[in-house]
Amino acid sequence: MSIWKRVGAIIKSNKQDTEPPKAEINPYEETQVGDIIEVDLEEYVVSGKLVYFDRGFPPHRFAYYLQNGKQISCLLVEKGRTYEAFICEFVEGSLDDPNDVPTRLEVGGEVNYELEHHRSDMVRADGNTDFRGNDEVLVWRYFGTENRYFFLQWQDGKYVAMEGTRTPAGQIKFMKGK
């Protein structure tokens, strides 16, 4: 090998070492308002995003408000050892006091839900959502039969209820908007 080929190989290797590594993007956490999410072959535009966290800790739950025409749904992503995703529809109803939230719910006379856990989180809001950002939200998670879940959230007298099912990660695709 000639000396010029060796010098050229050294220069090329130095150029490759100076390129910064590309940061991996986690679509479950970094999807933004205006991006597109496909769930079970149906496409939605993200019209709002809520990020739930405990003070001083990284986020552990994300709620994406999804719009398809006039229909608004919610993709709820909970971060643990793995990501759990739930596609939910909003349910109308009301309660007066967060202390009156029951441990057992009957919805429509068809499905019974049991309280799985209850917690208080801080929330950041972006886009069209039901909550004010940088404030506390109380969250109740219920489980029912046939992989069905019910989520109840409260902030300053306003309740938001959602009913949904667990969605496998393979059925969710994230695409960047314009």
Protein backbone atom coordinates (compact mmCIF):
# COMPACT_ATOMS: atom_id res chain seq x y z
CA MET A 1 0.00 0.00 0.00
CA SER A 2 1.37 3.38 -0.95
CA ILE A 3 1.91 6.13 1.55
CA TRP A 4 -0.77 8.29 -0.12
CA LYS A 5 -3.42 5.60 0.31
CA ARG A 6 -2.49 5.27 3.98
CA VAL A 7 -2.72 9.05 4.52
CA GLY A 8 -6.09 9.10 2.68
CA ALA A 9 -7.41 6.25 4.87
CA ILE A 10 -6.32 8.09 8.05
CA ILE A 11 -8.02 11.32 6.91
CA LYS A 12 -11.25 9.44 6.08
CA SER A 13 -11.27 7.67 9.45
CA ASN A 14 -10.78 10.99 11.26
CA LYS A 15 -13.70 12.54 9.37
CA GLN A 16 -15.99 9.65 10.33
CA ASP A 17 -15.01 9.97 14.00
CA THR A 18 -15.87 13.69 14.11
CA GLU A 19 -19.47 13.24 12.91
CA PRO A 20 -21.81 13.49 15.88
CA PRO A 21 -23.90 10.41 16.56
CA LYS A 22 -27.55 10.80 15.61
CA ALA A 23 -29.86 10.85 18.60
CA GLU A 24 -32.55 8.21 18.60
CA ILE A 25 -36.07 9.58 18.45
CA ASN A 26 -38.67 7.93 20.65
CA PRO A 27 -42.01 8.47 18.87
CA TYR A 28 -44.02 7.46 21.97
CA GLU A 29 -42.66 10.51 23.78
CA GLU A 30 -41.60 13.00 21.11
CA THR A 31 -44.62 13.15 18.81
CA GLN A 32 -45.87 16.75 18.54
CA VAL A 33 -49.08 18.58 17.66
CA GLY A 34 -49.55 18.37 13.88
CA ASP A 35 -47.90 14.95 13.53
CA ILE A 36 -49.87 11.95 12.27
CA ILE A 37 -50.54 8.76 14.21
CA GLU A 38 -51.97 5.67 12.57
CA VAL A 39 -53.78 3.30 14.92
CA ASP A 40 -55.13 0.03 13.56
CA LEU A 41 -54.95 1.33 9.95
CA GLU A 42 -56.82 4.58 10.73
CA GLU A 43 -54.94 7.88 10.48
CA TYR A 44 -55.34 10.75 12.94
CA VAL A 45 -53.78 14.20 13.27
CA VAL A 46 -52.44 15.05 16.73
CA SER A 47 -54.45 18.10 17.84
CA GLY A 48 -53.26 18.16 21.46
CA LYS A 49 -50.68 16.60 23.75
CA LEU A 50 -50.51 16.18 27.53
CA VAL A 51 -47.31 15.14 29.29
CA TYR A 52 -47.72 13.81 32.86
CA PHE A 53 -44.84 13.82 35.33
CA ASP A 54 -43.89 13.99 38.99
CA ARG A 55 -41.87 17.05 40.00
CA GLY A 56 -38.17 16.37 39.49
CA PHE A 57 -38.72 13.16 37.49
CA PRO A 58 -39.05 12.40 33.77
CA PRO A 59 -42.51 12.06 32.20
CA HIS A 60 -44.31 8.73 32.65
CA ARG A 61 -47.58 9.22 30.74
CA PHE A 62 -48.49 10.92 27.46
CA ALA A 63 -51.97 11.65 26.12
CA TYR A 64 -52.35 12.47 22.43
CA TYR A 65 -55.65 14.03 21.35
CA LEU A 66 -56.30 12.53 17.93
CA GLN A 67 -58.60 14.07 15.35
CA ASN A 68 -60.05 12.35 12.30
CA GLY A 69 -62.63 14.67 10.76
CA LYS A 70 -65.01 15.59 13.60
CA GLN A 71 -64.13 12.52 15.66
CA ILE A 72 -61.74 13.14 18.56
CA SER A 73 -60.10 10.19 20.29
CA CYS A 74 -57.18 9.87 22.68
CA LEU A 75 -54.06 7.72 22.53
CA LEU A 76 -52.84 7.26 26.09
CA VAL A 77 -49.27 6.00 26.46
CA GLU A 78 -47.98 4.92 29.86
CA LYS A 79 -44.27 4.43 30.36
CA GLY A 80 -43.02 1.68 32.62
CA ARG A 81 -40.56 -1.06 31.80
CA THR A 82 -42.33 -1.09 28.45
CA TYR A 83 -44.82 1.26 26.84
CA GLU A 84 -48.52 0.51 27.31
CA ALA A 85 -50.82 2.16 24.77
CA PHE A 86 -54.58 2.60 24.99
CA ILE A 87 -56.88 3.99 22.29
CA CYS A 88 -59.76 5.71 24.08
CA GLU A 89 -63.04 7.44 23.33
CA PHE A 90 -64.31 10.26 25.53
CA VAL A 91 -67.33 9.51 27.75
CA GLU A 92 -69.81 12.10 28.98
CA GLY A 93 -70.63 12.26 32.67
CA SER A 94 -69.97 14.28 35.76
CA LEU A 95 -68.94 14.13 39.38
CA ASP A 96 -68.93 16.99 41.85
CA ASP A 97 -66.03 16.10 44.11
CA PRO A 98 -62.82 14.08 43.57
CA ASN A 99 -63.45 12.51 47.00
CA ASP A 100 -66.64 10.93 45.59
CA VAL A 101 -64.86 8.85 42.94
CA PRO A 102 -65.95 5.22 43.44
CA THR A 103 -63.67 2.17 43.42
CA ARG A 104 -66.14 0.28 41.21
CA LEU A 105 -67.82 1.70 38.08
CA GLU A 106 -70.71 0.39 36.00
CA VAL A 107 -70.78 1.96 32.55
CA GLY A 108 -73.92 1.66 30.45
CA GLY A 109 -75.11 -1.36 32.43
CA GLU A 110 -72.75 -3.50 30.35
CA VAL A 111 -69.23 -3.20 31.73
CA ASN A 112 -67.99 -3.17 35.31
CA TYR A 113 -64.64 -1.58 36.09
CA GLU A 114 -62.49 -1.98 39.21
CA LEU A 115 -60.09 0.73 40.38
CA GLU A 116 -56.52 -0.31 39.55
CA HIS A 117 -54.69 2.78 40.82
CA HIS A 118 -55.05 6.47 41.57
CA ARG A 119 -52.35 9.14 41.47
CA SER A 120 -51.66 12.83 41.30
CA ASP A 121 -49.45 14.21 38.52
CA MET A 122 -48.28 17.50 37.12
CA VAL A 123 -49.18 18.07 33.48
CA ARG A 124 -47.79 20.05 30.54
CA ALA A 125 -50.28 20.84 27.78
CA ASP A 126 -49.78 21.66 24.11
CA GLY A 127 -52.49 22.27 21.50
CA ASN A 128 -56.20 21.60 22.06
CA THR A 129 -56.63 19.65 25.30
CA ASP A 130 -59.04 19.61 28.21
CA PHE A 131 -56.50 20.69 30.82
CA ARG A 132 -54.44 23.67 31.80
CA GLY A 133 -50.69 23.14 31.65
CA ASN A 134 -48.26 23.32 34.56
CA ASP A 135 -50.88 22.32 37.11
CA GLU A 136 -51.87 19.22 39.06
CA VAL A 137 -54.20 16.53 37.65
CA LEU A 138 -55.70 13.60 39.55
CA VAL A 139 -55.83 10.37 37.53
CA TRP A 140 -57.79 7.16 38.21
CA ARG A 141 -57.21 4.02 36.13
CA TYR A 142 -59.82 1.26 36.12
CA PHE A 143 -59.70 -2.16 34.47
CA GLY A 144 -62.60 -4.25 33.21
CA THR A 145 -63.26 -7.41 31.27
CA GLU A 146 -62.06 -8.12 27.73
CA ASN A 147 -59.00 -5.86 27.90
CA ARG A 148 -61.12 -2.74 28.48
CA TYR A 149 -59.99 0.22 30.58
CA PHE A 150 -61.55 3.36 31.97
CA PHE A 151 -59.59 6.51 32.79
CA LEU A 152 -60.92 9.36 34.88
CA GLN A 153 -59.04 12.65 35.24
CA TRP A 154 -59.81 15.73 37.35
CA GLN A 155 -58.40 19.25 37.44
CA ASP A 156 -60.02 22.14 39.34
CA GLY A 157 -63.60 20.85 39.14
CA LYS A 158 -63.42 19.50 35.59
CA TYR A 159 -63.62 15.77 34.93
CA VAL A 160 -62.60 14.01 31.74
CA ALA A 161 -63.59 10.36 31.34
CA MET A 162 -62.27 7.99 28.67
CA GLU A 163 -63.07 4.38 27.88
CA GLY A 164 -60.72 2.32 25.76
CA THR A 165 -58.75 -0.81 25.03
CA ARG A 166 -55.10 -1.72 25.19
CA THR A 167 -53.55 -1.41 21.74
CA PRO A 168 -50.49 -3.45 20.70
CA ALA A 169 -47.48 -1.33 19.75
CA GLY A 170 -47.37 -3.02 16.33
CA GLN A 171 -50.68 -1.37 15.42
CA ILE A 172 -49.39 2.17 16.09
CA LYS A 173 -47.33 4.10 13.55
CA PHE A 174 -45.98 7.61 14.07
CA MET A 175 -45.34 10.00 11.17
CA LYS A 176 -43.99 13.54 11.26
CA GLY A 177 -46.33 16.28 10.09
CA LYS A 178 -45.30 19.20 7.92
